[in-house]
Amino acid sequence: MSAEIALVPAGRARELGLDRSMVLGYGQDDRVCSYTSLVAMLEASATPARTNCCLLVDKEEIGSYGATGMQSQFFENIVAEVLNLTGQYSELAVRRALQNSVMLSSDVSSAFDPLYAAAYDKKNVAYLGKGMVFNKFTGSRGKSGSSEANAEYVARLRNALDSNNVHYQFSELGKVDLGGGGTIAYMMAKYGMDVIDSGVAVLSMHAPWEATSKIDIYETKKGYSAFLAEM
């Protein structure tokens, strides 16, 4: 009566393609972004110029509800606890700390699938093997329900990536009025912090087995490392 049971495809993740350039496995949305985020954090400098933080949150696919979802106030509470330990706690200090933060909302993006080409805008879609993916805005029906990154923040981010030789691409989630989707970006943007969606392109997203490019995974880790070092 109290057990949590999950049914998943049998078998380990495996290499895919004649050149073994892809990874095939279940649940890469969003484990592939969690993995690259964590590795970048573990490899980051022990004495960064700014405090680094990696949040691995739950329940995103159902709206980020519950104590472990981004809709809860656990992160705000943690910031308050840290400020209290430094003797600088106040409600205003918490608000300022959150507002002065910058964030990458790490989530996957849909990769172009030639079998369903009509669902994509070929000039505004991610492609496997072309690097880390950024979504300046998400949402559906245009930008409905979206958190859009401002141009100044995107320019700073591009400079950091270019200076670290990170390959990246910009994408939308399918055709306007046909595709769409949401992330946790808007939940953090409400604090006034700069946020943009970024991650790995996925083929057959939400299918029992999803495919990603090894190159994209590597470049995404590099991108997260550049973000922690430069931003």
C-alpha atoms as a PDB file:
ATOM      1  CA  MET A   1       0.000   0.000   0.000  1.00  0.00           C
ATOM      2  CA  SER A   2       2.939   2.341   0.545  1.00  0.00           C
ATOM      3  CA  ALA A   3       5.281   1.128  -2.214  1.00  0.00           C
ATOM      4  CA  GLU A   4       6.358   3.279  -5.135  1.00  0.00           C
ATOM      5  CA  ILE A   5       6.486   1.067  -8.228  1.00  0.00           C
ATOM      6  CA  ALA A   6       7.967   2.148 -11.565  1.00  0.00           C
ATOM      7  CA  LEU A   7       7.794   0.095 -14.764  1.00  0.00           C
ATOM      8  CA  VAL A   8      10.675   0.745 -17.169  1.00  0.00           C
ATOM      9  CA  PRO A   9      11.959  -0.956 -20.338  1.00  0.00           C
ATOM     10  CA  ALA A  10      14.275  -3.877 -19.647  1.00  0.00           C
ATOM     11  CA  GLY A  11      17.919  -3.571 -20.569  1.00  0.00           C
ATOM     12  CA  ARG A  12      20.778  -1.154 -20.121  1.00  0.00           C
ATOM     13  CA  ALA A  13      21.449   1.898 -22.257  1.00  0.00           C
ATOM     14  CA  ARG A  14      23.355   1.002 -25.412  1.00  0.00           C
ATOM     15  CA  GLU A  15      25.165   2.556 -28.350  1.00  0.00           C
ATOM     16  CA  LEU A  16      23.129   3.331 -31.461  1.00  0.00           C
ATOM     17  CA  GLY A  17      24.058   3.856 -35.102  1.00  0.00           C
ATOM     18  CA  LEU A  18      26.510   2.354 -37.565  1.00  0.00           C
ATOM     19  CA  ASP A  19      29.146   4.763 -36.220  1.00  0.00           C
ATOM     20  CA  ARG A  20      28.015   4.259 -32.593  1.00  0.00           C
ATOM     21  CA  SER A  21      27.545   8.033 -32.347  1.00  0.00           C
ATOM     22  CA  MET A  22      24.330   7.910 -30.294  1.00  0.00           C
ATOM     23  CA  VAL A  23      23.063   6.667 -26.947  1.00  0.00           C
ATOM     24  CA  LEU A  24      19.812   4.698 -26.795  1.00  0.00           C
ATOM     25  CA  GLY A  25      18.099   4.402 -23.436  1.00  0.00           C
ATOM     26  CA  TYR A  26      14.902   5.081 -21.527  1.00  0.00           C
ATOM     27  CA  GLY A  27      14.348   8.181 -19.421  1.00  0.00           C
ATOM     28  CA  GLN A  28      17.029  10.377 -20.999  1.00  0.00           C
ATOM     29  CA  ASP A  29      14.460  13.118 -20.494  1.00  0.00           C
ATOM     30  CA  ASP A  30      15.734  14.290 -18.137  1.00  0.00           C
ATOM     31  CA  ARG A  31      18.536  12.117 -16.826  1.00  0.00           C
ATOM     32  CA  VAL A  32      20.907  13.193 -19.615  1.00  0.00           C
ATOM     33  CA  CYS A  33      20.685  16.804 -18.420  1.00  0.00           C
ATOM     34  CA  SER A  34      20.915  15.828 -14.750  1.00  0.00           C
ATOM     35  CA  TYR A  35      24.076  13.836 -15.500  1.00  0.00           C
ATOM     36  CA  THR A  36      25.823  16.589 -17.452  1.00  0.00           C
ATOM     37  CA  SER A  37      24.850  19.198 -14.839  1.00  0.00           C
ATOM     38  CA  LEU A  38      26.191  17.099 -11.980  1.00  0.00           C
ATOM     39  CA  VAL A  39      29.483  16.266 -13.746  1.00  0.00           C
ATOM     40  CA  ALA A  40      30.061  19.945 -14.518  1.00  0.00           C
ATOM     41  CA  MET A  41      29.390  20.816 -10.881  1.00  0.00           C
ATOM     42  CA  LEU A  42      31.767  18.126  -9.581  1.00  0.00           C
ATOM     43  CA  GLU A  43      34.514  19.343 -11.928  1.00  0.00           C
ATOM     44  CA  ALA A  44      34.020  23.036 -11.072  1.00  0.00           C
ATOM     45  CA  SER A  45      36.527  25.064  -9.097  1.00  0.00           C
ATOM     46  CA  ALA A  46      36.449  24.541  -5.334  1.00  0.00           C
ATOM     47  CA  THR A  47      36.705  28.316  -4.866  1.00  0.00           C
ATOM     48  CA  PRO A  48      34.382  29.873  -7.475  1.00  0.00           C
ATOM     49  CA  ALA A  49      33.926  33.616  -7.745  1.00  0.00           C
ATOM     50  CA  ARG A  50      30.205  33.112  -7.172  1.00  0.00           C
ATOM     51  CA  THR A  51      28.402  30.421  -5.217  1.00  0.00           C
ATOM     52  CA  ASN A  52      27.535  27.491  -7.504  1.00  0.00           C
ATOM     53  CA  CYS A  53      24.431  25.369  -7.088  1.00  0.00           C
ATOM     54  CA  CYS A  54      23.018  22.336  -8.909  1.00  0.00           C
ATOM     55  CA  LEU A  55      19.357  21.539  -8.241  1.00  0.00           C
ATOM     56  CA  LEU A  56      18.033  18.119  -9.255  1.00  0.00           C
ATOM     57  CA  VAL A  57      14.271  18.478  -8.965  1.00  0.00           C
ATOM     58  CA  ASP A  58      11.363  16.096  -9.367  1.00  0.00           C
ATOM     59  CA  LYS A  59       7.835  16.012 -10.819  1.00  0.00           C
ATOM     60  CA  GLU A  60       8.552  18.364 -13.751  1.00  0.00           C
ATOM     61  CA  GLU A  61       6.341  16.395 -16.117  1.00  0.00           C
ATOM     62  CA  ILE A  62       3.252  16.887 -13.911  1.00  0.00           C
ATOM     63  CA  GLY A  63       3.815  20.539 -13.088  1.00  0.00           C
ATOM     64  CA  SER A  64       6.683  20.416 -10.543  1.00  0.00           C
ATOM     65  CA  TYR A  65       4.332  20.019  -7.590  1.00  0.00           C
ATOM     66  CA  GLY A  66       5.060  18.437  -4.221  1.00  0.00           C
ATOM     67  CA  ALA A  67       7.871  18.890  -1.708  1.00  0.00           C
ATOM     68  CA  THR A  68      10.530  17.797  -4.223  1.00  0.00           C
ATOM     69  CA  GLY A  69       9.218  19.833  -7.169  1.00  0.00           C
ATOM     70  CA  MET A  70      10.335  23.326  -8.134  1.00  0.00           C
ATOM     71  CA  GLN A  71       6.940  24.740  -7.169  1.00  0.00           C
ATOM     72  CA  SER A  72       7.861  24.174  -3.513  1.00  0.00           C
ATOM     73  CA  GLN A  73       9.911  26.719  -1.568  1.00  0.00           C
ATOM     74  CA  PHE A  74      12.804  24.412  -0.687  1.00  0.00           C
ATOM     75  CA  PHE A  75      15.385  26.434  -2.657  1.00  0.00           C
ATOM     76  CA  GLU A  76      14.227  29.718  -1.191  1.00  0.00           C
ATOM     77  CA  ASN A  77      14.457  28.126   2.254  1.00  0.00           C
ATOM     78  CA  ILE A  78      17.999  26.865   1.570  1.00  0.00           C
ATOM     79  CA  VAL A  79      19.155  30.347   0.510  1.00  0.00           C
ATOM     80  CA  ALA A  80      17.659  31.736   3.713  1.00  0.00           C
ATOM     81  CA  GLU A  81      19.487  29.095   5.779  1.00  0.00           C
ATOM     82  CA  VAL A  82      22.829  29.874   4.100  1.00  0.00           C
ATOM     83  CA  LEU A  83      22.423  33.601   4.695  1.00  0.00           C
ATOM     84  CA  ASN A  84      21.476  32.914   8.305  1.00  0.00           C
ATOM     85  CA  LEU A  85      24.677  30.888   8.815  1.00  0.00           C
ATOM     86  CA  THR A  86      26.717  33.824   7.499  1.00  0.00           C
ATOM     87  CA  GLY A  87      24.936  36.226   9.844  1.00  0.00           C
ATOM     88  CA  GLN A  88      23.379  38.180   6.978  1.00  0.00           C
ATOM     89  CA  TYR A  89      19.814  36.891   7.015  1.00  0.00           C
ATOM     90  CA  SER A  90      16.905  39.174   6.266  1.00  0.00           C
ATOM     91  CA  GLU A  91      13.933  38.851   3.943  1.00  0.00           C
ATOM     92  CA  LEU A  92      15.459  41.549   1.746  1.00  0.00           C
ATOM     93  CA  ALA A  93      18.817  39.716   1.596  1.00  0.00           C
ATOM     94  CA  VAL A  94      17.088  36.521   0.422  1.00  0.00           C
ATOM     95  CA  ARG A  95      15.227  38.401  -2.299  1.00  0.00           C
ATOM     96  CA  ARG A  96      18.407  40.155  -3.452  1.00  0.00           C
ATOM     97  CA  ALA A  97      20.388  36.893  -3.535  1.00  0.00           C
ATOM     98  CA  LEU A  98      17.763  35.231  -5.707  1.00  0.00           C
ATOM     99  CA  GLN A  99      17.355  38.238  -7.997  1.00  0.00           C
ATOM    100  CA  ASN A 100      21.109  38.554  -8.553  1.00  0.00           C
ATOM    101  CA  SER A 101      21.455  34.882  -9.525  1.00  0.00           C
ATOM    102  CA  VAL A 102      21.721  33.487 -13.052  1.00  0.00           C
ATOM    103  CA  MET A 103      20.464  30.064 -14.068  1.00  0.00           C
ATOM    104  CA  LEU A 104      20.438  27.465 -16.809  1.00  0.00           C
ATOM    105  CA  SER A 105      17.181  25.520 -16.738  1.00  0.00           C
ATOM    106  CA  SER A 106      18.589  22.160 -17.782  1.00  0.00           C
ATOM    107  CA  ASP A 107      16.056  20.255 -19.871  1.00  0.00           C
ATOM    108  CA  VAL A 108      16.027  18.376 -23.156  1.00  0.00           C
ATOM    109  CA  SER A 109      14.795  19.721 -26.473  1.00  0.00           C
ATOM    110  CA  SER A 110      13.164  17.853 -29.331  1.00  0.00           C
ATOM    111  CA  ALA A 111      15.524  16.881 -32.151  1.00  0.00           C
ATOM    112  CA  PHE A 112      14.453  16.975 -35.785  1.00  0.00           C
ATOM    113  CA  ASP A 113      12.883  13.684 -36.821  1.00  0.00           C
ATOM    114  CA  PRO A 114      12.692  13.215 -40.619  1.00  0.00           C
ATOM    115  CA  LEU A 115       9.882  10.678 -40.168  1.00  0.00           C
ATOM    116  CA  TYR A 116       7.694  13.489 -38.781  1.00  0.00           C
ATOM    117  CA  ALA A 117       9.231  16.446 -40.614  1.00  0.00           C
ATOM    118  CA  ALA A 118       5.878  18.269 -40.857  1.00  0.00           C
ATOM    119  CA  ALA A 119       5.887  18.782 -37.074  1.00  0.00           C
ATOM    120  CA  TYR A 120       9.055  20.910 -37.159  1.00  0.00           C
ATOM    121  CA  ASP A 121      10.238  24.223 -38.525  1.00  0.00           C
ATOM    122  CA  LYS A 122      13.523  23.095 -40.111  1.00  0.00           C
ATOM    123  CA  LYS A 123      15.172  26.484 -39.581  1.00  0.00           C
ATOM    124  CA  ASN A 124      14.223  26.642 -35.899  1.00  0.00           C
ATOM    125  CA  VAL A 125      14.803  23.137 -34.588  1.00  0.00           C
ATOM    126  CA  ALA A 126      17.652  21.262 -32.895  1.00  0.00           C
ATOM    127  CA  TYR A 127      19.628  18.634 -34.809  1.00  0.00           C
ATOM    128  CA  LEU A 128      21.523  15.680 -33.383  1.00  0.00           C
ATOM    129  CA  GLY A 129      25.277  16.223 -33.406  1.00  0.00           C
ATOM    130  CA  LYS A 130      25.205  20.034 -33.584  1.00  0.00           C
ATOM    131  CA  GLY A 131      25.916  20.678 -29.922  1.00  0.00           C
ATOM    132  CA  MET A 132      24.225  22.011 -26.807  1.00  0.00           C
ATOM    133  CA  VAL A 133      20.674  23.316 -27.338  1.00  0.00           C
ATOM    134  CA  PHE A 134      19.203  26.590 -26.058  1.00  0.00           C
ATOM    135  CA  ASN A 135      15.549  27.561 -26.093  1.00  0.00           C
ATOM    136  CA  LYS A 136      15.283  31.335 -25.692  1.00  0.00           C
ATOM    137  CA  PHE A 137      11.609  30.762 -24.990  1.00  0.00           C
ATOM    138  CA  THR A 138       9.392  27.717 -24.662  1.00  0.00           C
ATOM    139  CA  GLY A 139       5.611  27.556 -24.205  1.00  0.00           C
ATOM    140  CA  SER A 140       2.995  26.746 -26.808  1.00  0.00           C
ATOM    141  CA  ARG A 141       0.851  28.627 -29.327  1.00  0.00           C
ATOM    142  CA  GLY A 142       3.773  30.985 -29.865  1.00  0.00           C
ATOM    143  CA  LYS A 143       5.100  32.024 -26.449  1.00  0.00           C
ATOM    144  CA  SER A 144       2.078  31.266 -24.259  1.00  0.00           C
ATOM    145  CA  GLY A 145       3.189  30.062 -20.830  1.00  0.00           C
ATOM    146  CA  SER A 146       6.809  30.884 -21.608  1.00  0.00           C
ATOM    147  CA  SER A 147       9.755  32.372 -19.751  1.00  0.00           C
ATOM    148  CA  GLU A 148      11.824  34.302 -22.285  1.00  0.00           C
ATOM    149  CA  ALA A 149      15.495  35.097 -21.677  1.00  0.00           C
ATOM    150  CA  ASN A 150      16.494  38.701 -22.318  1.00  0.00           C
ATOM    151  CA  ALA A 151      18.970  39.569 -25.067  1.00  0.00           C
ATOM    152  CA  GLU A 152      21.648  40.904 -22.704  1.00  0.00           C
ATOM    153  CA  TYR A 153      21.773  37.655 -20.733  1.00  0.00           C
ATOM    154  CA  VAL A 154      21.903  35.574 -23.911  1.00  0.00           C
ATOM    155  CA  ALA A 155      24.787  37.722 -25.204  1.00  0.00           C
ATOM    156  CA  ARG A 156      26.778  37.182 -21.978  1.00  0.00           C
ATOM    157  CA  LEU A 157      26.107  33.472 -22.193  1.00  0.00           C
ATOM    158  CA  ARG A 158      27.188  33.273 -25.840  1.00  0.00           C
ATOM    159  CA  ASN A 159      30.445  35.054 -25.018  1.00  0.00           C
ATOM    160  CA  ALA A 160      31.162  32.523 -22.256  1.00  0.00           C
ATOM    161  CA  LEU A 161      30.455  29.597 -24.579  1.00  0.00           C
ATOM    162  CA  ASP A 162      32.458  31.011 -27.485  1.00  0.00           C
ATOM    163  CA  SER A 163      35.479  31.687 -25.275  1.00  0.00           C
ATOM    164  CA  ASN A 164      35.408  28.024 -24.186  1.00  0.00           C
ATOM    165  CA  ASN A 165      34.902  26.607 -27.713  1.00  0.00           C
ATOM    166  CA  VAL A 166      31.481  25.133 -26.920  1.00  0.00           C
ATOM    167  CA  HIS A 167      29.344  24.127 -29.905  1.00  0.00           C
ATOM    168  CA  TYR A 168      25.720  25.169 -29.418  1.00  0.00           C
ATOM    169  CA  GLN A 169      22.485  25.748 -31.310  1.00  0.00           C
ATOM    170  CA  PHE A 170      19.197  27.563 -30.715  1.00  0.00           C
ATOM    171  CA  SER A 171      15.862  25.862 -31.143  1.00  0.00           C
ATOM    172  CA  GLU A 172      12.108  26.026 -30.706  1.00  0.00           C
ATOM    173  CA  LEU A 173       9.908  23.144 -29.549  1.00  0.00           C
ATOM    174  CA  GLY A 174       8.219  22.304 -32.835  1.00  0.00           C
ATOM    175  CA  LYS A 175       6.153  24.449 -35.168  1.00  0.00           C
ATOM    176  CA  VAL A 176       4.133  27.345 -33.807  1.00  0.00           C
ATOM    177  CA  ASP A 177       0.552  26.216 -33.054  1.00  0.00           C
ATOM    178  CA  LEU A 178       1.636  22.587 -33.400  1.00  0.00           C
ATOM    179  CA  GLY A 179       4.516  21.908 -31.024  1.00  0.00           C
ATOM    180  CA  GLY A 180       5.300  23.294 -27.598  1.00  0.00           C
ATOM    181  CA  GLY A 181       6.231  22.417 -24.070  1.00  0.00           C
ATOM    182  CA  GLY A 182       7.235  23.848 -20.728  1.00  0.00           C
ATOM    183  CA  THR A 183      10.057  23.666 -18.186  1.00  0.00           C
ATOM    184  CA  ILE A 184      10.776  25.009 -14.700  1.00  0.00           C
ATOM    185  CA  ALA A 185      12.396  28.209 -16.039  1.00  0.00           C
ATOM    186  CA  TYR A 186       9.445  30.484 -15.280  1.00  0.00           C
ATOM    187  CA  MET A 187       9.327  29.287 -11.674  1.00  0.00           C
ATOM    188  CA  MET A 188      12.803  30.695 -11.051  1.00  0.00           C
ATOM    189  CA  ALA A 189      12.377  33.733 -13.284  1.00  0.00           C
ATOM    190  CA  LYS A 190       9.643  34.927 -10.911  1.00  0.00           C
ATOM    191  CA  TYR A 191      12.421  35.864  -8.470  1.00  0.00           C
ATOM    192  CA  GLY A 192      13.832  38.234 -11.080  1.00  0.00           C
ATOM    193  CA  MET A 193      16.847  36.068 -11.930  1.00  0.00           C
ATOM    194  CA  ASP A 194      18.044  35.566 -15.509  1.00  0.00           C
ATOM    195  CA  VAL A 195      17.086  32.088 -16.768  1.00  0.00           C
ATOM    196  CA  ILE A 196      17.306  30.283 -20.095  1.00  0.00           C
ATOM    197  CA  ASP A 197      16.453  26.704 -21.070  1.00  0.00           C
ATOM    198  CA  SER A 198      19.381  24.581 -22.202  1.00  0.00           C
ATOM    199  CA  GLY A 199      20.223  20.922 -22.612  1.00  0.00           C
ATOM    200  CA  VAL A 200      20.537  18.015 -25.023  1.00  0.00           C
ATOM    201  CA  ALA A 201      18.510  17.318 -28.167  1.00  0.00           C
ATOM    202  CA  VAL A 202      16.514  14.078 -27.922  1.00  0.00           C
ATOM    203  CA  LEU A 203      15.077  11.951 -30.707  1.00  0.00           C
ATOM    204  CA  SER A 204      11.790  10.173 -29.898  1.00  0.00           C
ATOM    205  CA  MET A 205      11.272  12.163 -26.705  1.00  0.00           C
ATOM    206  CA  HIS A 206       8.903  10.480 -24.205  1.00  0.00           C
ATOM    207  CA  ALA A 207       9.095   7.188 -26.099  1.00  0.00           C
ATOM    208  CA  PRO A 208      10.118   4.060 -24.129  1.00  0.00           C
ATOM    209  CA  TRP A 209      13.580   4.379 -25.706  1.00  0.00           C
ATOM    210  CA  GLU A 210      15.061   7.797 -26.458  1.00  0.00           C
ATOM    211  CA  ALA A 211      18.149   8.611 -28.547  1.00  0.00           C
ATOM    212  CA  THR A 212      20.770  11.302 -27.964  1.00  0.00           C
ATOM    213  CA  SER A 213      24.070  12.196 -29.625  1.00  0.00           C
ATOM    214  CA  LYS A 214      27.332  11.560 -27.774  1.00  0.00           C
ATOM    215  CA  ILE A 215      28.688  14.804 -29.212  1.00  0.00           C
ATOM    216  CA  ASP A 216      25.723  16.765 -27.843  1.00  0.00           C
ATOM    217  CA  ILE A 217      26.145  15.210 -24.393  1.00  0.00           C
ATOM    218  CA  TYR A 218      29.835  16.147 -24.361  1.00  0.00           C
ATOM    219  CA  GLU A 219      29.240  19.686 -25.592  1.00  0.00           C
ATOM    220  CA  THR A 220      26.440  20.193 -23.049  1.00  0.00           C
ATOM    221  CA  LYS A 221      28.753  19.222 -20.206  1.00  0.00           C
ATOM    222  CA  LYS A 222      31.328  21.669 -21.590  1.00  0.00           C
ATOM    223  CA  GLY A 223      28.646  24.342 -21.755  1.00  0.00           C
ATOM    224  CA  TYR A 224      27.605  23.848 -18.156  1.00  0.00           C
ATOM    225  CA  SER A 225      31.263  23.989 -17.086  1.00  0.00           C
ATOM    226  CA  ALA A 226      31.732  27.241 -19.017  1.00  0.00           C
ATOM    227  CA  PHE A 227      28.630  28.674 -17.384  1.00  0.00           C
ATOM    228  CA  LEU A 228      29.898  27.861 -13.878  1.00  0.00           C
ATOM    229  CA  ALA A 229      33.349  29.294 -14.633  1.00  0.00           C
ATOM    230  CA  GLU A 230      32.414  32.438 -16.563  1.00  0.00           C
ATOM    231  CA  MET A 231      28.975  33.624 -15.464  1.00  0.00           C
END
